[in-house]
C-alpha atoms as a PDB file:
ATOM      1  CA  MET A   1       2.905  51.993  74.037  1.00  0.00           C
ATOM      2  CA  LYS A   2       1.031  48.707  73.896  1.00  0.00           C
ATOM      3  CA  LYS A   3       0.107  49.299  70.204  1.00  0.00           C
ATOM      4  CA  ALA A   4       3.717  50.092  69.340  1.00  0.00           C
ATOM      5  CA  GLY A   5       4.816  46.828  70.982  1.00  0.00           C
ATOM      6  CA  ILE A   6       2.231  44.822  69.041  1.00  0.00           C
ATOM      7  CA  ILE A   7       3.296  46.455  65.761  1.00  0.00           C
ATOM      8  CA  PHE A   8       6.974  45.780  66.534  1.00  0.00           C
ATOM      9  CA  ILE A   9       6.318  42.100  67.349  1.00  0.00           C
ATOM     10  CA  SER A  10       4.194  41.754  64.175  1.00  0.00           C
ATOM     11  CA  LEU A  11       7.025  43.166  62.055  1.00  0.00           C
ATOM     12  CA  ILE A  12       9.559  40.785  63.587  1.00  0.00           C
ATOM     13  CA  LEU A  13       7.289  37.772  63.017  1.00  0.00           C
ATOM     14  CA  SER A  14       6.646  38.866  59.407  1.00  0.00           C
ATOM     15  CA  ALA A  15      10.379  39.236  58.762  1.00  0.00           C
ATOM     16  CA  ALA A  16      11.032  35.819  60.303  1.00  0.00           C
ATOM     17  CA  GLY A  17       8.326  34.299  58.115  1.00  0.00           C
ATOM     18  CA  LEU A  18       9.795  35.865  54.979  1.00  0.00           C
ATOM     19  CA  SER A  19      13.322  34.699  55.795  1.00  0.00           C
ATOM     20  CA  ALA A  20      12.045  31.138  56.294  1.00  0.00           C
ATOM     21  CA  GLN A  21      10.797  30.989  52.681  1.00  0.00           C
ATOM     22  CA  PRO A  22      13.023  29.216  50.139  1.00  0.00           C
ATOM     23  CA  ARG A  23      15.253  31.459  48.037  1.00  0.00           C
ATOM     24  CA  ALA A  24      17.604  30.964  45.106  1.00  0.00           C
ATOM     25  CA  PHE A  25      20.504  33.032  43.792  1.00  0.00           C
ATOM     26  CA  GLY A  26      22.497  32.514  40.605  1.00  0.00           C
ATOM     27  CA  VAL A  27      22.968  33.422  36.958  1.00  0.00           C
ATOM     28  CA  ARG A  28      20.743  33.439  33.880  1.00  0.00           C
ATOM     29  CA  THR A  29      22.186  33.676  30.392  1.00  0.00           C
ATOM     30  CA  GLY A  30      20.948  33.635  26.823  1.00  0.00           C
ATOM     31  CA  ILE A  31      21.177  35.484  23.541  1.00  0.00           C
ATOM     32  CA  THR A  32      19.839  38.705  25.086  1.00  0.00           C
ATOM     33  CA  GLY A  33      22.293  39.018  27.964  1.00  0.00           C
ATOM     34  CA  PHE A  34      23.764  37.829  31.230  1.00  0.00           C
ATOM     35  CA  ASP A  35      21.763  38.219  34.469  1.00  0.00           C
ATOM     36  CA  MET A  36      22.394  37.978  38.177  1.00  0.00           C
ATOM     37  CA  SER A  37      19.149  36.380  39.328  1.00  0.00           C
ATOM     38  CA  TYR A  38      17.381  36.150  42.702  1.00  0.00           C
ATOM     39  CA  GLN A  39      14.163  34.271  43.513  1.00  0.00           C
ATOM     40  CA  HIS A  40      12.129  34.463  46.713  1.00  0.00           C
ATOM     41  CA  THR A  41       9.225  32.094  47.341  1.00  0.00           C
ATOM     42  CA  ILE A  42       5.893  33.620  48.374  1.00  0.00           C
ATOM     43  CA  GLY A  43       3.594  31.145  50.117  1.00  0.00           C
ATOM     44  CA  LYS A  44       3.996  27.572  48.886  1.00  0.00           C
ATOM     45  CA  LYS A  45       3.729  27.972  45.110  1.00  0.00           C
ATOM     46  CA  ASN A  46       4.542  31.431  43.768  1.00  0.00           C
ATOM     47  CA  PHE A  47       7.782  33.416  43.736  1.00  0.00           C
ATOM     48  CA  VAL A  48       9.162  36.823  42.894  1.00  0.00           C
ATOM     49  CA  GLN A  49      12.243  37.086  40.724  1.00  0.00           C
ATOM     50  CA  THR A  50      14.574  40.033  40.264  1.00  0.00           C
ATOM     51  CA  ASP A  51      17.330  40.121  37.661  1.00  0.00           C
ATOM     52  CA  LEU A  52      20.101  42.656  37.109  1.00  0.00           C
ATOM     53  CA  SER A  53      21.288  42.269  33.538  1.00  0.00           C
ATOM     54  CA  LEU A  54      24.150  43.062  31.264  1.00  0.00           C
ATOM     55  CA  ASP A  55      22.228  43.462  27.986  1.00  0.00           C
ATOM     56  CA  PHE A  56      24.187  42.394  24.889  1.00  0.00           C
ATOM     57  CA  GLY A  57      22.425  44.904  22.630  1.00  0.00           C
ATOM     58  CA  TYR A  58      20.589  44.399  19.370  1.00  0.00           C
ATOM     59  CA  ALA A  59      21.753  41.077  17.887  1.00  0.00           C
ATOM     60  CA  GLY A  60      24.757  41.071  20.228  1.00  0.00           C
ATOM     61  CA  SER A  61      26.450  44.066  18.613  1.00  0.00           C
ATOM     62  CA  GLY A  62      28.054  46.969  20.406  1.00  0.00           C
ATOM     63  CA  GLU A  63      28.858  47.531  24.040  1.00  0.00           C
ATOM     64  CA  PRO A  64      26.543  46.089  26.683  1.00  0.00           C
ATOM     65  CA  GLY A  65      23.800  48.074  28.358  1.00  0.00           C
ATOM     66  CA  PHE A  66      22.127  47.565  31.727  1.00  0.00           C
ATOM     67  CA  LYS A  67      18.640  46.460  32.627  1.00  0.00           C
ATOM     68  CA  ALA A  68      16.681  45.529  35.778  1.00  0.00           C
ATOM     69  CA  THR A  69      13.654  43.221  35.693  1.00  0.00           C
ATOM     70  CA  ALA A  70      11.166  42.247  38.405  1.00  0.00           C
ATOM     71  CA  LEU A  71       8.660  39.415  37.880  1.00  0.00           C
ATOM     72  CA  TYR A  72       5.911  37.714  39.868  1.00  0.00           C
ATOM     73  CA  ASN A  73       5.750  34.048  38.833  1.00  0.00           C
ATOM     74  CA  PHE A  74       2.908  31.602  39.380  1.00  0.00           C
ATOM     75  CA  THR A  75       3.786  27.913  39.630  1.00  0.00           C
ATOM     76  CA  VAL A  76       1.215  26.300  37.351  1.00  0.00           C
ATOM     77  CA  ALA A  77       2.316  22.645  37.623  1.00  0.00           C
ATOM     78  CA  ARG A  78       4.675  20.397  39.570  1.00  0.00           C
ATOM     79  CA  PRO A  79       5.104  17.274  37.412  1.00  0.00           C
ATOM     80  CA  ALA A  80       6.527  14.183  39.126  1.00  0.00           C
ATOM     81  CA  TRP A  81       8.909  13.191  36.340  1.00  0.00           C
ATOM     82  CA  THR A  82      11.693  11.942  38.632  1.00  0.00           C
ATOM     83  CA  GLN A  83      11.862  10.242  42.028  1.00  0.00           C
ATOM     84  CA  LYS A  84      14.499  12.629  43.352  1.00  0.00           C
ATOM     85  CA  GLY A  85      14.360  16.409  43.142  1.00  0.00           C
ATOM     86  CA  SER A  86      11.352  18.460  42.036  1.00  0.00           C
ATOM     87  CA  TRP A  87      10.093  19.950  38.780  1.00  0.00           C
ATOM     88  CA  ALA A  88       8.066  23.146  38.363  1.00  0.00           C
ATOM     89  CA  MET A  89       6.423  24.904  35.437  1.00  0.00           C
ATOM     90  CA  TYR A  90       5.861  28.615  35.983  1.00  0.00           C
ATOM     91  CA  THR A  91       4.697  31.764  34.262  1.00  0.00           C
ATOM     92  CA  GLY A  92       4.340  35.367  35.275  1.00  0.00           C
ATOM     93  CA  PRO A  93       4.275  39.043  34.367  1.00  0.00           C
ATOM     94  CA  GLY A  94       6.872  41.647  35.156  1.00  0.00           C
ATOM     95  CA  ILE A  95       8.379  44.994  34.332  1.00  0.00           C
ATOM     96  CA  SER A  96      11.822  45.941  33.068  1.00  0.00           C
ATOM     97  CA  LEU A  97      13.730  49.164  32.658  1.00  0.00           C
ATOM     98  CA  GLY A  98      17.229  50.015  31.610  1.00  0.00           C
ATOM     99  CA  TYR A  99      19.706  51.784  29.378  1.00  0.00           C
ATOM    100  CA  VAL A 100      20.246  49.448  26.420  1.00  0.00           C
ATOM    101  CA  GLN A 101      21.124  49.339  22.736  1.00  0.00           C
ATOM    102  CA  ASP A 102      18.378  48.716  20.187  1.00  0.00           C
ATOM    103  CA  ARG A 103      17.797  49.011  16.451  1.00  0.00           C
ATOM    104  CA  VAL A 104      16.339  52.367  15.396  1.00  0.00           C
ATOM    105  CA  VAL A 105      14.880  53.112  11.945  1.00  0.00           C
ATOM    106  CA  TYR A 106      15.142  56.603  10.417  1.00  0.00           C
ATOM    107  CA  LYS A 107      13.383  57.423   7.142  1.00  0.00           C
ATOM    108  CA  GLU A 108      13.812  60.563   5.093  1.00  0.00           C
ATOM    109  CA  GLY A 109      12.396  60.318   1.583  1.00  0.00           C
ATOM    110  CA  ASN A 110      13.994  57.273  -0.054  1.00  0.00           C
ATOM    111  CA  PHE A 111      16.811  57.285   2.502  1.00  0.00           C
ATOM    112  CA  ARG A 112      16.586  54.660   5.289  1.00  0.00           C
ATOM    113  CA  TYR A 113      19.122  54.384   8.082  1.00  0.00           C
ATOM    114  CA  HIS A 114      19.093  51.562  10.672  1.00  0.00           C
ATOM    115  CA  PRO A 115      21.630  52.303  13.406  1.00  0.00           C
ATOM    116  CA  ASN A 116      21.925  50.431  16.674  1.00  0.00           C
ATOM    117  CA  ASP A 117      21.721  53.122  19.337  1.00  0.00           C
ATOM    118  CA  TYR A 118      21.603  53.356  23.118  1.00  0.00           C
ATOM    119  CA  GLY A 119      18.668  54.729  25.022  1.00  0.00           C
ATOM    120  CA  PHE A 120      16.183  54.293  27.839  1.00  0.00           C
ATOM    121  CA  MET A 121      13.975  51.181  27.717  1.00  0.00           C
ATOM    122  CA  LEU A 122      10.729  50.519  29.609  1.00  0.00           C
ATOM    123  CA  ALA A 123       8.867  47.282  28.925  1.00  0.00           C
ATOM    124  CA  PHE A 124       6.446  44.730  30.267  1.00  0.00           C
ATOM    125  CA  ALA A 125       7.913  41.241  30.475  1.00  0.00           C
ATOM    126  CA  ALA A 126       6.237  37.842  30.300  1.00  0.00           C
ATOM    127  CA  GLN A 127       8.114  34.775  31.509  1.00  0.00           C
ATOM    128  CA  PHE A 128       7.390  31.089  30.871  1.00  0.00           C
ATOM    129  CA  GLY A 129       9.730  28.477  32.309  1.00  0.00           C
ATOM    130  CA  LEU A 130      10.528  24.986  33.488  1.00  0.00           C
ATOM    131  CA  GLU A 131      12.877  24.404  36.419  1.00  0.00           C
ATOM    132  CA  TYR A 132      14.369  21.416  38.163  1.00  0.00           C
ATOM    133  CA  THR A 133      15.594  21.575  41.758  1.00  0.00           C
ATOM    134  CA  PHE A 134      17.993  18.776  42.663  1.00  0.00           C
ATOM    135  CA  TRP A 135      17.923  16.915  45.992  1.00  0.00           C
ATOM    136  CA  PHE A 136      20.972  19.025  46.889  1.00  0.00           C
ATOM    137  CA  PRO A 137      20.774  22.875  46.802  1.00  0.00           C
ATOM    138  CA  LEU A 138      21.087  23.390  43.030  1.00  0.00           C
ATOM    139  CA  GLN A 139      18.415  24.545  40.601  1.00  0.00           C
ATOM    140  CA  ILE A 140      18.513  24.703  36.795  1.00  0.00           C
ATOM    141  CA  ALA A 141      15.866  26.313  34.609  1.00  0.00           C
ATOM    142  CA  LEU A 142      14.987  26.934  30.984  1.00  0.00           C
ATOM    143  CA  ASP A 143      12.721  29.886  30.189  1.00  0.00           C
ATOM    144  CA  ILE A 144      11.604  32.378  27.578  1.00  0.00           C
ATOM    145  CA  ARG A 145      11.052  36.035  28.465  1.00  0.00           C
ATOM    146  CA  PRO A 146       9.894  38.411  25.733  1.00  0.00           C
ATOM    147  CA  TYR A 147       9.696  42.150  26.444  1.00  0.00           C
ATOM    148  CA  PHE A 148       6.937  44.400  25.090  1.00  0.00           C
ATOM    149  CA  GLY A 149       7.695  48.083  25.440  1.00  0.00           C
ATOM    150  CA  MET A 150       9.390  51.222  24.219  1.00  0.00           C
ATOM    151  CA  HIS A 151      12.916  52.418  23.552  1.00  0.00           C
ATOM    152  CA  VAL A 152      13.884  56.103  23.507  1.00  0.00           C
ATOM    153  CA  ASN A 153      17.292  56.488  21.875  1.00  0.00           C
ATOM    154  CA  ASP A 154      19.826  59.266  22.407  1.00  0.00           C
ATOM    155  CA  GLY A 155      19.987  60.377  18.763  1.00  0.00           C
ATOM    156  CA  VAL A 156      22.778  59.524  16.319  1.00  0.00           C
ATOM    157  CA  SER A 157      25.073  61.239  13.858  1.00  0.00           C
ATOM    158  CA  ARG A 158      26.451  59.711  10.674  1.00  0.00           C
ATOM    159  CA  ARG A 159      29.087  60.915   8.226  1.00  0.00           C
ATOM    160  CA  VAL A 160      27.694  60.388   4.735  1.00  0.00           C
ATOM    161  CA  ASP A 161      31.063  60.798   2.956  1.00  0.00           C
ATOM    162  CA  ALA A 162      34.365  62.653   3.342  1.00  0.00           C
ATOM    163  CA  ILE A 163      33.082  65.839   1.672  1.00  0.00           C
ATOM    164  CA  THR A 164      29.737  66.445   3.350  1.00  0.00           C
ATOM    165  CA  ASP A 165      29.069  67.138   6.989  1.00  0.00           C
ATOM    166  CA  GLN A 166      27.518  64.719   9.384  1.00  0.00           C
ATOM    167  CA  VAL A 167      23.836  63.906   9.201  1.00  0.00           C
ATOM    168  CA  VAL A 168      22.354  64.235  12.679  1.00  0.00           C
ATOM    169  CA  PHE A 169      19.242  62.322  13.707  1.00  0.00           C
ATOM    170  CA  LYS A 170      17.371  63.438  16.794  1.00  0.00           C
ATOM    171  CA  SER A 171      16.193  61.244  19.644  1.00  0.00           C
ATOM    172  CA  LYS A 172      13.375  58.918  18.641  1.00  0.00           C
ATOM    173  CA  THR A 173      10.806  56.892  20.562  1.00  0.00           C
ATOM    174  CA  GLY A 174       9.953  53.495  19.140  1.00  0.00           C
ATOM    175  CA  TRP A 175       9.198  49.860  19.833  1.00  0.00           C
ATOM    176  CA  TYR A 176      11.800  47.932  21.858  1.00  0.00           C
ATOM    177  CA  ASN A 177      12.860  45.551  19.046  1.00  0.00           C
ATOM    178  CA  ASN A 178      15.421  43.626  21.092  1.00  0.00           C
ATOM    179  CA  GLY A 179      12.571  42.376  23.295  1.00  0.00           C
ATOM    180  CA  TRP A 180      11.593  39.852  20.623  1.00  0.00           C
ATOM    181  CA  PHE A 181      14.871  37.976  21.185  1.00  0.00           C
ATOM    182  CA  GLY A 182      13.345  36.951  24.531  1.00  0.00           C
ATOM    183  CA  PHE A 183      11.474  34.219  22.645  1.00  0.00           C
ATOM    184  CA  ILE A 184      14.831  32.410  22.357  1.00  0.00           C
ATOM    185  CA  PRO A 185      15.270  30.263  25.515  1.00  0.00           C
ATOM    186  CA  SER A 186      17.655  31.234  28.311  1.00  0.00           C
ATOM    187  CA  VAL A 187      19.293  28.945  30.856  1.00  0.00           C
ATOM    188  CA  SER A 188      19.583  29.617  34.602  1.00  0.00           C
ATOM    189  CA  VAL A 189      21.688  27.983  37.299  1.00  0.00           C
ATOM    190  CA  ARG A 190      20.952  28.947  40.909  1.00  0.00           C
ATOM    191  CA  TYR A 191      21.992  27.985  44.425  1.00  0.00           C
ATOM    192  CA  ARG A 192      18.814  27.204  46.395  1.00  0.00           C
ATOM    193  CA  PHE A 193      18.776  27.973  50.117  1.00  0.00           C
END
């Protein structure tokens, strides 16, 4: 009974310590999509970030897909560029998965077909960013986040002309091409509490 009490008190103190850490909640947007973003500080310097995204698809075409990303960021510098507020430069690895649209390449002889198709995506993410936290509870950030991984599409069909039947292409596993758009900066605005 004594051990159970000690474990219970330890859990409560851990939860209280976690809730005392600074957090931020807001939005992140760029060419690749629109994210609901949450940050939770770990210790004094590092933070975890989770984003739930509406992915705009390859080059912004088609209907949006969905993606979830989790990152562990290391604060690498805190430059003192202003008297009020605080700056931070950060970088970190992460993982992302979702159901998104991406460009797929099919080759058959001299025939090449490049549809944008939906499928499952699993990728490693790398984030590099600069953020500014105002002296009131508002934070803005600019970051890049490329994704390196795979995309497994559903398979596509295409009508060649009015006379012939449809050409059906099976599911294909390939590189997640849309991940390269992560090198284009995104902007975040978050409420810090």
